[in-house]
């Protein structure tokens, strides 16, 4: 893709987010 600007974030659980209930 050769994107010009990229920011990255480590996944962080957020209270109320459905992702918190995912396995693995």
PDBML (XML) file of the C-alpha atoms, coordinates in Angstrom:
<?xml version="1.0" encoding="UTF-8" ?>
<PDBx:datablock datablockName="MODEL"
   xmlns:PDBx="http://pdbml.pdb.org/schema/pdbx-v50.xsd"
   xmlns:xsi="http://www.w3.org/2001/XMLSchema-instance"
   xsi:schemaLocation="http://pdbml.pdb.org/schema/pdbx-v50.xsd pdbx-v50.xsd">
   <PDBx:atom_siteCategory>
      <PDBx:atom_site id="1">
         <PDBx:B_iso_or_equiv>0.00</PDBx:B_iso_or_equiv>
         <PDBx:Cartn_x>0.000</PDBx:Cartn_x>
         <PDBx:Cartn_y>0.000</PDBx:Cartn_y>
         <PDBx:Cartn_z>0.000</PDBx:Cartn_z>
         <PDBx:auth_asym_id>A</PDBx:auth_asym_id>
         <PDBx:auth_atom_id>CA</PDBx:auth_atom_id>
         <PDBx:auth_comp_id>UNK</PDBx:auth_comp_id>
         <PDBx:auth_seq_id>1</PDBx:auth_seq_id>
         <PDBx:group_PDB>ATOM</PDBx:group_PDB>
         <PDBx:label_alt_id xsi:nil="true" />
         <PDBx:label_asym_id>A</PDBx:label_asym_id>
         <PDBx:label_atom_id>CA</PDBx:label_atom_id>
         <PDBx:label_comp_id>UNK</PDBx:label_comp_id>
         <PDBx:label_entity_id>1</PDBx:label_entity_id>
         <PDBx:label_seq_id>1</PDBx:label_seq_id>
         <PDBx:occupancy>1.00</PDBx:occupancy>
         <PDBx:pdbx_PDB_model_num>1</PDBx:pdbx_PDB_model_num>
         <PDBx:type_symbol>C</PDBx:type_symbol>
      </PDBx:atom_site>
      <PDBx:atom_site id="2">
         <PDBx:B_iso_or_equiv>0.00</PDBx:B_iso_or_equiv>
         <PDBx:Cartn_x>2.928</PDBx:Cartn_x>
         <PDBx:Cartn_y>2.376</PDBx:Cartn_y>
         <PDBx:Cartn_z>0.691</PDBx:Cartn_z>
         <PDBx:auth_asym_id>A</PDBx:auth_asym_id>
         <PDBx:auth_atom_id>CA</PDBx:auth_atom_id>
         <PDBx:auth_comp_id>UNK</PDBx:auth_comp_id>
         <PDBx:auth_seq_id>2</PDBx:auth_seq_id>
         <PDBx:group_PDB>ATOM</PDBx:group_PDB>
         <PDBx:label_alt_id xsi:nil="true" />
         <PDBx:label_asym_id>A</PDBx:label_asym_id>
         <PDBx:label_atom_id>CA</PDBx:label_atom_id>
         <PDBx:label_comp_id>UNK</PDBx:label_comp_id>
         <PDBx:label_entity_id>1</PDBx:label_entity_id>
         <PDBx:label_seq_id>2</PDBx:label_seq_id>
         <PDBx:occupancy>1.00</PDBx:occupancy>
         <PDBx:pdbx_PDB_model_num>1</PDBx:pdbx_PDB_model_num>
         <PDBx:type_symbol>C</PDBx:type_symbol>
      </PDBx:atom_site>
      <PDBx:atom_site id="3">
         <PDBx:B_iso_or_equiv>0.00</PDBx:B_iso_or_equiv>
         <PDBx:Cartn_x>0.828</PDBx:Cartn_x>
         <PDBx:Cartn_y>4.723</PDBx:Cartn_y>
         <PDBx:Cartn_z>2.839</PDBx:Cartn_z>
         <PDBx:auth_asym_id>A</PDBx:auth_asym_id>
         <PDBx:auth_atom_id>CA</PDBx:auth_atom_id>
         <PDBx:auth_comp_id>UNK</PDBx:auth_comp_id>
         <PDBx:auth_seq_id>3</PDBx:auth_seq_id>
         <PDBx:group_PDB>ATOM</PDBx:group_PDB>
         <PDBx:label_alt_id xsi:nil="true" />
         <PDBx:label_asym_id>A</PDBx:label_asym_id>
         <PDBx:label_atom_id>CA</PDBx:label_atom_id>
         <PDBx:label_comp_id>UNK</PDBx:label_comp_id>
         <PDBx:label_entity_id>1</PDBx:label_entity_id>
         <PDBx:label_seq_id>3</PDBx:label_seq_id>
         <PDBx:occupancy>1.00</PDBx:occupancy>
         <PDBx:pdbx_PDB_model_num>1</PDBx:pdbx_PDB_model_num>
         <PDBx:type_symbol>C</PDBx:type_symbol>
      </PDBx:atom_site>
      <PDBx:atom_site id="4">
         <PDBx:B_iso_or_equiv>0.00</PDBx:B_iso_or_equiv>
         <PDBx:Cartn_x>2.365</PDBx:Cartn_x>
         <PDBx:Cartn_y>8.122</PDBx:Cartn_y>
         <PDBx:Cartn_z>3.482</PDBx:Cartn_z>
         <PDBx:auth_asym_id>A</PDBx:auth_asym_id>
         <PDBx:auth_atom_id>CA</PDBx:auth_atom_id>
         <PDBx:auth_comp_id>UNK</PDBx:auth_comp_id>
         <PDBx:auth_seq_id>4</PDBx:auth_seq_id>
         <PDBx:group_PDB>ATOM</PDBx:group_PDB>
         <PDBx:label_alt_id xsi:nil="true" />
         <PDBx:label_asym_id>A</PDBx:label_asym_id>
         <PDBx:label_atom_id>CA</PDBx:label_atom_id>
         <PDBx:label_comp_id>UNK</PDBx:label_comp_id>
         <PDBx:label_entity_id>1</PDBx:label_entity_id>
         <PDBx:label_seq_id>4</PDBx:label_seq_id>
         <PDBx:occupancy>1.00</PDBx:occupancy>
         <PDBx:pdbx_PDB_model_num>1</PDBx:pdbx_PDB_model_num>
         <PDBx:type_symbol>C</PDBx:type_symbol>
      </PDBx:atom_site>
      <PDBx:atom_site id="5">
         <PDBx:B_iso_or_equiv>0.00</PDBx:B_iso_or_equiv>
         <PDBx:Cartn_x>1.481</PDBx:Cartn_x>
         <PDBx:Cartn_y>8.509</PDBx:Cartn_y>
         <PDBx:Cartn_z>7.157</PDBx:Cartn_z>
         <PDBx:auth_asym_id>A</PDBx:auth_asym_id>
         <PDBx:auth_atom_id>CA</PDBx:auth_atom_id>
         <PDBx:auth_comp_id>UNK</PDBx:auth_comp_id>
         <PDBx:auth_seq_id>5</PDBx:auth_seq_id>
         <PDBx:group_PDB>ATOM</PDBx:group_PDB>
         <PDBx:label_alt_id xsi:nil="true" />
         <PDBx:label_asym_id>A</PDBx:label_asym_id>
         <PDBx:label_atom_id>CA</PDBx:label_atom_id>
         <PDBx:label_comp_id>UNK</PDBx:label_comp_id>
         <PDBx:label_entity_id>1</PDBx:label_entity_id>
         <PDBx:label_seq_id>5</PDBx:label_seq_id>
         <PDBx:occupancy>1.00</PDBx:occupancy>
         <PDBx:pdbx_PDB_model_num>1</PDBx:pdbx_PDB_model_num>
         <PDBx:type_symbol>C</PDBx:type_symbol>
      </PDBx:atom_site>
      <PDBx:atom_site id="6">
         <PDBx:B_iso_or_equiv>0.00</PDBx:B_iso_or_equiv>
         <PDBx:Cartn_x>0.648</PDBx:Cartn_x>
         <PDBx:Cartn_y>5.695</PDBx:Cartn_y>
         <PDBx:Cartn_z>9.576</PDBx:Cartn_z>
         <PDBx:auth_asym_id>A</PDBx:auth_asym_id>
         <PDBx:auth_atom_id>CA</PDBx:auth_atom_id>
         <PDBx:auth_comp_id>UNK</PDBx:auth_comp_id>
         <PDBx:auth_seq_id>6</PDBx:auth_seq_id>
         <PDBx:group_PDB>ATOM</PDBx:group_PDB>
         <PDBx:label_alt_id xsi:nil="true" />
         <PDBx:label_asym_id>A</PDBx:label_asym_id>
         <PDBx:label_atom_id>CA</PDBx:label_atom_id>
         <PDBx:label_comp_id>UNK</PDBx:label_comp_id>
         <PDBx:label_entity_id>1</PDBx:label_entity_id>
         <PDBx:label_seq_id>6</PDBx:label_seq_id>
         <PDBx:occupancy>1.00</PDBx:occupancy>
         <PDBx:pdbx_PDB_model_num>1</PDBx:pdbx_PDB_model_num>
         <PDBx:type_symbol>C</PDBx:type_symbol>
      </PDBx:atom_site>
      <PDBx:atom_site id="7">
         <PDBx:B_iso_or_equiv>0.00</PDBx:B_iso_or_equiv>
         <PDBx:Cartn_x>-0.267</PDBx:Cartn_x>
         <PDBx:Cartn_y>5.630</PDBx:Cartn_y>
         <PDBx:Cartn_z>13.230</PDBx:Cartn_z>
         <PDBx:auth_asym_id>A</PDBx:auth_asym_id>
         <PDBx:auth_atom_id>CA</PDBx:auth_atom_id>
         <PDBx:auth_comp_id>UNK</PDBx:auth_comp_id>
         <PDBx:auth_seq_id>7</PDBx:auth_seq_id>
         <PDBx:group_PDB>ATOM</PDBx:group_PDB>
         <PDBx:label_alt_id xsi:nil="true" />
         <PDBx:label_asym_id>A</PDBx:label_asym_id>
         <PDBx:label_atom_id>CA</PDBx:label_atom_id>
         <PDBx:label_comp_id>UNK</PDBx:label_comp_id>
         <PDBx:label_entity_id>1</PDBx:label_entity_id>
         <PDBx:label_seq_id>7</PDBx:label_seq_id>
         <PDBx:occupancy>1.00</PDBx:occupancy>
         <PDBx:pdbx_PDB_model_num>1</PDBx:pdbx_PDB_model_num>
         <PDBx:type_symbol>C</PDBx:type_symbol>
      </PDBx:atom_site>
      <PDBx:atom_site id="8">
         <PDBx:B_iso_or_equiv>0.00</PDBx:B_iso_or_equiv>
         <PDBx:Cartn_x>-0.454</PDBx:Cartn_x>
         <PDBx:Cartn_y>2.369</PDBx:Cartn_y>
         <PDBx:Cartn_z>15.178</PDBx:Cartn_z>
         <PDBx:auth_asym_id>A</PDBx:auth_asym_id>
         <PDBx:auth_atom_id>CA</PDBx:auth_atom_id>
         <PDBx:auth_comp_id>UNK</PDBx:auth_comp_id>
         <PDBx:auth_seq_id>8</PDBx:auth_seq_id>
         <PDBx:group_PDB>ATOM</PDBx:group_PDB>
         <PDBx:label_alt_id xsi:nil="true" />
         <PDBx:label_asym_id>A</PDBx:label_asym_id>
         <PDBx:label_atom_id>CA</PDBx:label_atom_id>
         <PDBx:label_comp_id>UNK</PDBx:label_comp_id>
         <PDBx:label_entity_id>1</PDBx:label_entity_id>
         <PDBx:label_seq_id>8</PDBx:label_seq_id>
         <PDBx:occupancy>1.00</PDBx:occupancy>
         <PDBx:pdbx_PDB_model_num>1</PDBx:pdbx_PDB_model_num>
         <PDBx:type_symbol>C</PDBx:type_symbol>
      </PDBx:atom_site>
      <PDBx:atom_site id="9">
         <PDBx:B_iso_or_equiv>0.00</PDBx:B_iso_or_equiv>
         <PDBx:Cartn_x>-2.145</PDBx:Cartn_x>
         <PDBx:Cartn_y>1.512</PDBx:Cartn_y>
         <PDBx:Cartn_z>18.459</PDBx:Cartn_z>
         <PDBx:auth_asym_id>A</PDBx:auth_asym_id>
         <PDBx:auth_atom_id>CA</PDBx:auth_atom_id>
         <PDBx:auth_comp_id>UNK</PDBx:auth_comp_id>
         <PDBx:auth_seq_id>9</PDBx:auth_seq_id>
         <PDBx:group_PDB>ATOM</PDBx:group_PDB>
         <PDBx:label_alt_id xsi:nil="true" />
         <PDBx:label_asym_id>A</PDBx:label_asym_id>
         <PDBx:label_atom_id>CA</PDBx:label_atom_id>
         <PDBx:label_comp_id>UNK</PDBx:label_comp_id>
         <PDBx:label_entity_id>1</PDBx:label_entity_id>
         <PDBx:label_seq_id>9</PDBx:label_seq_id>
         <PDBx:occupancy>1.00</PDBx:occupancy>
         <PDBx:pdbx_PDB_model_num>1</PDBx:pdbx_PDB_model_num>
         <PDBx:type_symbol>C</PDBx:type_symbol>
      </PDBx:atom_site>
      <PDBx:atom_site id="10">
         <PDBx:B_iso_or_equiv>0.00</PDBx:B_iso_or_equiv>
         <PDBx:Cartn_x>-1.937</PDBx:Cartn_x>
         <PDBx:Cartn_y>-1.497</PDBx:Cartn_y>
         <PDBx:Cartn_z>20.718</PDBx:Cartn_z>
         <PDBx:auth_asym_id>A</PDBx:auth_asym_id>
         <PDBx:auth_atom_id>CA</PDBx:auth_atom_id>
         <PDBx:auth_comp_id>UNK</PDBx:auth_comp_id>
         <PDBx:auth_seq_id>10</PDBx:auth_seq_id>
         <PDBx:group_PDB>ATOM</PDBx:group_PDB>
         <PDBx:label_alt_id xsi:nil="true" />
         <PDBx:label_asym_id>A</PDBx:label_asym_id>
         <PDBx:label_atom_id>CA</PDBx:label_atom_id>
         <PDBx:label_comp_id>UNK</PDBx:label_comp_id>
         <PDBx:label_entity_id>1</PDBx:label_entity_id>
         <PDBx:label_seq_id>10</PDBx:label_seq_id>
         <PDBx:occupancy>1.00</PDBx:occupancy>
         <PDBx:pdbx_PDB_model_num>1</PDBx:pdbx_PDB_model_num>
         <PDBx:type_symbol>C</PDBx:type_symbol>
      </PDBx:atom_site>
      <PDBx:atom_site id="11">
         <PDBx:B_iso_or_equiv>0.00</PDBx:B_iso_or_equiv>
         <PDBx:Cartn_x>-5.398</PDBx:Cartn_x>
         <PDBx:Cartn_y>-2.973</PDBx:Cartn_y>
         <PDBx:Cartn_z>21.309</PDBx:Cartn_z>
         <PDBx:auth_asym_id>A</PDBx:auth_asym_id>
         <PDBx:auth_atom_id>CA</PDBx:auth_atom_id>
         <PDBx:auth_comp_id>UNK</PDBx:auth_comp_id>
         <PDBx:auth_seq_id>11</PDBx:auth_seq_id>
         <PDBx:group_PDB>ATOM</PDBx:group_PDB>
         <PDBx:label_alt_id xsi:nil="true" />
         <PDBx:label_asym_id>A</PDBx:label_asym_id>
         <PDBx:label_atom_id>CA</PDBx:label_atom_id>
         <PDBx:label_comp_id>UNK</PDBx:label_comp_id>
         <PDBx:label_entity_id>1</PDBx:label_entity_id>
         <PDBx:label_seq_id>11</PDBx:label_seq_id>
         <PDBx:occupancy>1.00</PDBx:occupancy>
         <PDBx:pdbx_PDB_model_num>1</PDBx:pdbx_PDB_model_num>
         <PDBx:type_symbol>C</PDBx:type_symbol>
      </PDBx:atom_site>
      <PDBx:atom_site id="12">
         <PDBx:B_iso_or_equiv>0.00</PDBx:B_iso_or_equiv>
         <PDBx:Cartn_x>-6.759</PDBx:Cartn_x>
         <PDBx:Cartn_y>-1.767</PDBx:Cartn_y>
         <PDBx:Cartn_z>24.617</PDBx:Cartn_z>
         <PDBx:auth_asym_id>A</PDBx:auth_asym_id>
         <PDBx:auth_atom_id>CA</PDBx:auth_atom_id>
         <PDBx:auth_comp_id>UNK</PDBx:auth_comp_id>
         <PDBx:auth_seq_id>12</PDBx:auth_seq_id>
         <PDBx:group_PDB>ATOM</PDBx:group_PDB>
         <PDBx:label_alt_id xsi:nil="true" />
         <PDBx:label_asym_id>A</PDBx:label_asym_id>
         <PDBx:label_atom_id>CA</PDBx:label_atom_id>
         <PDBx:label_comp_id>UNK</PDBx:label_comp_id>
         <PDBx:label_entity_id>1</PDBx:label_entity_id>
         <PDBx:label_seq_id>12</PDBx:label_seq_id>
         <PDBx:occupancy>1.00</PDBx:occupancy>
         <PDBx:pdbx_PDB_model_num>1</PDBx:pdbx_PDB_model_num>
         <PDBx:type_symbol>C</PDBx:type_symbol>
      </PDBx:atom_site>
      <PDBx:atom_site id="13">
         <PDBx:B_iso_or_equiv>0.00</PDBx:B_iso_or_equiv>
         <PDBx:Cartn_x>-9.978</PDBx:Cartn_x>
         <PDBx:Cartn_y>-3.059</PDBx:Cartn_y>
         <PDBx:Cartn_z>26.181</PDBx:Cartn_z>
         <PDBx:auth_asym_id>A</PDBx:auth_asym_id>
         <PDBx:auth_atom_id>CA</PDBx:auth_atom_id>
         <PDBx:auth_comp_id>UNK</PDBx:auth_comp_id>
         <PDBx:auth_seq_id>13</PDBx:auth_seq_id>
         <PDBx:group_PDB>ATOM</PDBx:group_PDB>
         <PDBx:label_alt_id xsi:nil="true" />
         <PDBx:label_asym_id>A</PDBx:label_asym_id>
         <PDBx:label_atom_id>CA</PDBx:label_atom_id>
         <PDBx:label_comp_id>UNK</PDBx:label_comp_id>
         <PDBx:label_entity_id>1</PDBx:label_entity_id>
         <PDBx:label_seq_id>13</PDBx:label_seq_id>
         <PDBx:occupancy>1.00</PDBx:occupancy>
         <PDBx:pdbx_PDB_model_num>1</PDBx:pdbx_PDB_model_num>
         <PDBx:type_symbol>C</PDBx:type_symbol>
      </PDBx:atom_site>
      <PDBx:atom_site id="14">
         <PDBx:B_iso_or_equiv>0.00</PDBx:B_iso_or_equiv>
         <PDBx:Cartn_x>-12.559</PDBx:Cartn_x>
         <PDBx:Cartn_y>-0.321</PDBx:Cartn_y>
         <PDBx:Cartn_z>26.701</PDBx:Cartn_z>
         <PDBx:auth_asym_id>A</PDBx:auth_asym_id>
         <PDBx:auth_atom_id>CA</PDBx:auth_atom_id>
         <PDBx:auth_comp_id>UNK</PDBx:auth_comp_id>
         <PDBx:auth_seq_id>14</PDBx:auth_seq_id>
         <PDBx:group_PDB>ATOM</PDBx:group_PDB>
         <PDBx:label_alt_id xsi:nil="true" />
         <PDBx:label_asym_id>A</PDBx:label_asym_id>
         <PDBx:label_atom_id>CA</PDBx:label_atom_id>
         <PDBx:label_comp_id>UNK</PDBx:label_comp_id>
         <PDBx:label_entity_id>1</PDBx:label_entity_id>
         <PDBx:label_seq_id>14</PDBx:label_seq_id>
         <PDBx:occupancy>1.00</PDBx:occupancy>
         <PDBx:pdbx_PDB_model_num>1</PDBx:pdbx_PDB_model_num>
         <PDBx:type_symbol>C</PDBx:type_symbol>
      </PDBx:atom_site>
      <PDBx:atom_site id="15">
         <PDBx:B_iso_or_equiv>0.00</PDBx:B_iso_or_equiv>
         <PDBx:Cartn_x>-15.378</PDBx:Cartn_x>
         <PDBx:Cartn_y>-0.702</PDBx:Cartn_y>
         <PDBx:Cartn_z>29.169</PDBx:Cartn_z>
         <PDBx:auth_asym_id>A</PDBx:auth_asym_id>
         <PDBx:auth_atom_id>CA</PDBx:auth_atom_id>
         <PDBx:auth_comp_id>UNK</PDBx:auth_comp_id>
         <PDBx:auth_seq_id>15</PDBx:auth_seq_id>
         <PDBx:group_PDB>ATOM</PDBx:group_PDB>
         <PDBx:label_alt_id xsi:nil="true" />
         <PDBx:label_asym_id>A</PDBx:label_asym_id>
         <PDBx:label_atom_id>CA</PDBx:label_atom_id>
         <PDBx:label_comp_id>UNK</PDBx:label_comp_id>
         <PDBx:label_entity_id>1</PDBx:label_entity_id>
         <PDBx:label_seq_id>15</PDBx:label_seq_id>
         <PDBx:occupancy>1.00</PDBx:occupancy>
         <PDBx:pdbx_PDB_model_num>1</PDBx:pdbx_PDB_model_num>
         <PDBx:type_symbol>C</PDBx:type_symbol>
      </PDBx:atom_site>
      <PDBx:atom_site id="16">
         <PDBx:B_iso_or_equiv>0.00</PDBx:B_iso_or_equiv>
         <PDBx:Cartn_x>-18.578</PDBx:Cartn_x>
         <PDBx:Cartn_y>-1.393</PDBx:Cartn_y>
         <PDBx:Cartn_z>27.246</PDBx:Cartn_z>
         <PDBx:auth_asym_id>A</PDBx:auth_asym_id>
         <PDBx:auth_atom_id>CA</PDBx:auth_atom_id>
         <PDBx:auth_comp_id>UNK</PDBx:auth_comp_id>
         <PDBx:auth_seq_id>16</PDBx:auth_seq_id>
         <PDBx:group_PDB>ATOM</PDBx:group_PDB>
         <PDBx:label_alt_id xsi:nil="true" />
         <PDBx:label_asym_id>A</PDBx:label_asym_id>
         <PDBx:label_atom_id>CA</PDBx:label_atom_id>
         <PDBx:label_comp_id>UNK</PDBx:label_comp_id>
         <PDBx:label_entity_id>1</PDBx:label_entity_id>
         <PDBx:label_seq_id>16</PDBx:label_seq_id>
         <PDBx:occupancy>1.00</PDBx:occupancy>
         <PDBx:pdbx_PDB_model_num>1</PDBx:pdbx_PDB_model_num>
         <PDBx:type_symbol>C</PDBx:type_symbol>
      </PDBx:atom_site>
      <PDBx:atom_site id="17">
         <PDBx:B_iso_or_equiv>0.00</PDBx:B_iso_or_equiv>
         <PDBx:Cartn_x>-16.859</PDBx:Cartn_x>
         <PDBx:Cartn_y>-2.530</PDBx:Cartn_y>
         <PDBx:Cartn_z>24.018</PDBx:Cartn_z>
         <PDBx:auth_asym_id>A</PDBx:auth_asym_id>
         <PDBx:auth_atom_id>CA</PDBx:auth_atom_id>
         <PDBx:auth_comp_id>UNK</PDBx:auth_comp_id>
         <PDBx:auth_seq_id>17</PDBx:auth_seq_id>
         <PDBx:group_PDB>ATOM</PDBx:group_PDB>
         <PDBx:label_alt_id xsi:nil="true" />
         <PDBx:label_asym_id>A</PDBx:label_asym_id>
         <PDBx:label_atom_id>CA</PDBx:label_atom_id>
         <PDBx:label_comp_id>UNK</PDBx:label_comp_id>
         <PDBx:label_entity_id>1</PDBx:label_entity_id>
         <PDBx:label_seq_id>17</PDBx:label_seq_id>
         <PDBx:occupancy>1.00</PDBx:occupancy>
         <PDBx:pdbx_PDB_model_num>1</PDBx:pdbx_PDB_model_num>
         <PDBx:type_symbol>C</PDBx:type_symbol>
      </PDBx:atom_site>
      <PDBx:atom_site id="18">
         <PDBx:B_iso_or_equiv>0.00</PDBx:B_iso_or_equiv>
         <PDBx:Cartn_x>-17.960</PDBx:Cartn_x>
         <PDBx:Cartn_y>-5.873</PDBx:Cartn_y>
         <PDBx:Cartn_z>22.556</PDBx:Cartn_z>
         <PDBx:auth_asym_id>A</PDBx:auth_asym_id>
         <PDBx:auth_atom_id>CA</PDBx:auth_atom_id>
         <PDBx:auth_comp_id>UNK</PDBx:auth_comp_id>
         <PDBx:auth_seq_id>18</PDBx:auth_seq_id>
         <PDBx:group_PDB>ATOM</PDBx:group_PDB>
         <PDBx:label_alt_id xsi:nil="true" />
         <PDBx:label_asym_id>A</PDBx:label_asym_id>
         <PDBx:label_atom_id>CA</PDBx:label_atom_id>
         <PDBx:label_comp_id>UNK</PDBx:label_comp_id>
         <PDBx:label_entity_id>1</PDBx:label_entity_id>
         <PDBx:label_seq_id>18</PDBx:label_seq_id>
         <PDBx:occupancy>1.00</PDBx:occupancy>
         <PDBx:pdbx_PDB_model_num>1</PDBx:pdbx_PDB_model_num>
         <PDBx:type_symbol>C</PDBx:type_symbol>
      </PDBx:atom_site>
      <PDBx:atom_site id="19">
         <PDBx:B_iso_or_equiv>0.00</PDBx:B_iso_or_equiv>
         <PDBx:Cartn_x>-14.342</PDBx:Cartn_x>
         <PDBx:Cartn_y>-6.769</PDBx:Cartn_y>
         <PDBx:Cartn_z>21.712</PDBx:Cartn_z>
         <PDBx:auth_asym_id>A</PDBx:auth_asym_id>
         <PDBx:auth_atom_id>CA</PDBx:auth_atom_id>
         <PDBx:auth_comp_id>UNK</PDBx:auth_comp_id>
         <PDBx:auth_seq_id>19</PDBx:auth_seq_id>
         <PDBx:group_PDB>ATOM</PDBx:group_PDB>
         <PDBx:label_alt_id xsi:nil="true" />
         <PDBx:label_asym_id>A</PDBx:label_asym_id>
         <PDBx:label_atom_id>CA</PDBx:label_atom_id>
         <PDBx:label_comp_id>UNK</PDBx:label_comp_id>
         <PDBx:label_entity_id>1</PDBx:label_entity_id>
         <PDBx:label_seq_id>19</PDBx:label_seq_id>
         <PDBx:occupancy>1.00</PDBx:occupancy>
         <PDBx:pdbx_PDB_model_num>1</PDBx:pdbx_PDB_model_num>
         <PDBx:type_symbol>C</PDBx:type_symbol>
      </PDBx:atom_site>
      <PDBx:atom_site id="20">
         <PDBx:B_iso_or_equiv>0.00</PDBx:B_iso_or_equiv>
         <PDBx:Cartn_x>-13.685</PDBx:Cartn_x>
         <PDBx:Cartn_y>-7.375</PDBx:Cartn_y>
         <PDBx:Cartn_z>25.393</PDBx:Cartn_z>
         <PDBx:auth_asym_id>A</PDBx:auth_asym_id>
         <PDBx:auth_atom_id>CA</PDBx:auth_atom_id>
         <PDBx:auth_comp_id>UNK</PDBx:auth_comp_id>
         <PDBx:auth_seq_id>20</PDBx:auth_seq_id>
         <PDBx:group_PDB>ATOM</PDBx:group_PDB>
         <PDBx:label_alt_id xsi:nil="true" />
         <PDBx:label_asym_id>A</PDBx:label_asym_id>
         <PDBx:label_atom_id>CA</PDBx:label_atom_id>
         <PDBx:label_comp_id>UNK</PDBx:label_comp_id>
         <PDBx:label_entity_id>1</PDBx:label_entity_id>
         <PDBx:label_seq_id>20</PDBx:label_seq_id>
         <PDBx:occupancy>1.00</PDBx:occupancy>
         <PDBx:pdbx_PDB_model_num>1</PDBx:pdbx_PDB_model_num>
         <PDBx:type_symbol>C</PDBx:type_symbol>
      </PDBx:atom_site>
      <PDBx:atom_site id="21">
         <PDBx:B_iso_or_equiv>0.00</PDBx:B_iso_or_equiv>
         <PDBx:Cartn_x>-15.741</PDBx:Cartn_x>
         <PDBx:Cartn_y>-10.571</PDBx:Cartn_y>
         <PDBx:Cartn_z>25.188</PDBx:Cartn_z>
         <PDBx:auth_asym_id>A</PDBx:auth_asym_id>
         <PDBx:auth_atom_id>CA</PDBx:auth_atom_id>
         <PDBx:auth_comp_id>UNK</PDBx:auth_comp_id>
         <PDBx:auth_seq_id>21</PDBx:auth_seq_id>
         <PDBx:group_PDB>ATOM</PDBx:group_PDB>
         <PDBx:label_alt_id xsi:nil="true" />
         <PDBx:label_asym_id>A</PDBx:label_asym_id>
         <PDBx:label_atom_id>CA</PDBx:label_atom_id>
         <PDBx:label_comp_id>UNK</PDBx:label_comp_id>
         <PDBx:label_entity_id>1</PDBx:label_entity_id>
         <PDBx:label_seq_id>21</PDBx:label_seq_id>
         <PDBx:occupancy>1.00</PDBx:occupancy>
         <PDBx:pdbx_PDB_model_num>1</PDBx:pdbx_PDB_model_num>
         <PDBx:type_symbol>C</PDBx:type_symbol>
      </PDBx:atom_site>
      <PDBx:atom_site id="22">
         <PDBx:B_iso_or_equiv>0.00</PDBx:B_iso_or_equiv>
         <PDBx:Cartn_x>-13.830</PDBx:Cartn_x>
         <PDBx:Cartn_y>-12.039</PDBx:Cartn_y>
         <PDBx:Cartn_z>22.246</PDBx:Cartn_z>
         <PDBx:auth_asym_id>A</PDBx:auth_asym_id>
         <PDBx:auth_atom_id>CA</PDBx:auth_atom_id>
         <PDBx:auth_comp_id>UNK</PDBx:auth_comp_id>
         <PDBx:auth_seq_id>22</PDBx:auth_seq_id>
         <PDBx:group_PDB>ATOM</PDBx:group_PDB>
         <PDBx:label_alt_id xsi:nil="true" />
         <PDBx:label_asym_id>A</PDBx:label_asym_id>
         <PDBx:label_atom_id>CA</PDBx:label_atom_id>
         <PDBx:label_comp_id>UNK</PDBx:label_comp_id>
         <PDBx:label_entity_id>1</PDBx:label_entity_id>
         <PDBx:label_seq_id>22</PDBx:label_seq_id>
         <PDBx:occupancy>1.00</PDBx:occupancy>
         <PDBx:pdbx_PDB_model_num>1</PDBx:pdbx_PDB_model_num>
         <PDBx:type_symbol>C</PDBx:type_symbol>
      </PDBx:atom_site>
      <PDBx:atom_site id="23">
         <PDBx:B_iso_or_equiv>0.00</PDBx:B_iso_or_equiv>
         <PDBx:Cartn_x>-11.618</PDBx:Cartn_x>
         <PDBx:Cartn_y>-15.076</PDBx:Cartn_y>
         <PDBx:Cartn_z>22.893</PDBx:Cartn_z>
         <PDBx:auth_asym_id>A</PDBx:auth_asym_id>
         <PDBx:auth_atom_id>CA</PDBx:auth_atom_id>
         <PDBx:auth_comp_id>UNK</PDBx:auth_comp_id>
         <PDBx:auth_seq_id>23</PDBx:auth_seq_id>
         <PDBx:group_PDB>ATOM</PDBx:group_PDB>
         <PDBx:label_alt_id xsi:nil="true" />
         <PDBx:label_asym_id>A</PDBx:label_asym_id>
         <PDBx:label_atom_id>CA</PDBx:label_atom_id>
         <PDBx:label_comp_id>UNK</PDBx:label_comp_id>
         <PDBx:label_entity_id>1</PDBx:label_entity_id>
         <PDBx:label_seq_id>23</PDBx:label_seq_id>
         <PDBx:occupancy>1.00</PDBx:occupancy>
         <PDBx:pdbx_PDB_model_num>1</PDBx:pdbx_PDB_model_num>
         <PDBx:type_symbol>C</PDBx:type_symbol>
      </PDBx:atom_site>
      <PDBx:atom_site id="24">
         <PDBx:B_iso_or_equiv>0.00</PDBx:B_iso_or_equiv>
         <PDBx:Cartn_x>-7.865</PDBx:Cartn_x>
         <PDBx:Cartn_y>-15.358</PDBx:Cartn_y>
         <PDBx:Cartn_z>22.325</PDBx:Cartn_z>
         <PDBx:auth_asym_id>A</PDBx:auth_asym_id>
         <PDBx:auth_atom_id>CA</PDBx:auth_atom_id>
         <PDBx:auth_comp_id>UNK</PDBx:auth_comp_id>
         <PDBx:auth_seq_id>24</PDBx:auth_seq_id>
         <PDBx:group_PDB>ATOM</PDBx:group_PDB>
         <PDBx:label_alt_id xsi:nil="true" />
         <PDBx:label_asym_id>A</PDBx:label_asym_id>
         <PDBx:label_atom_id>CA</PDBx:label_atom_id>
         <PDBx:label_comp_id>UNK</PDBx:label_comp_id>
         <PDBx:label_entity_id>1</PDBx:label_entity_id>
         <PDBx:label_seq_id>24</PDBx:label_seq_id>
         <PDBx:occupancy>1.00</PDBx:occupancy>
         <PDBx:pdbx_PDB_model_num>1</PDBx:pdbx_PDB_model_num>
         <PDBx:type_symbol>C</PDBx:type_symbol>
      </PDBx:atom_site>
   </PDBx:atom_siteCategory>
</PDBx:datablock>
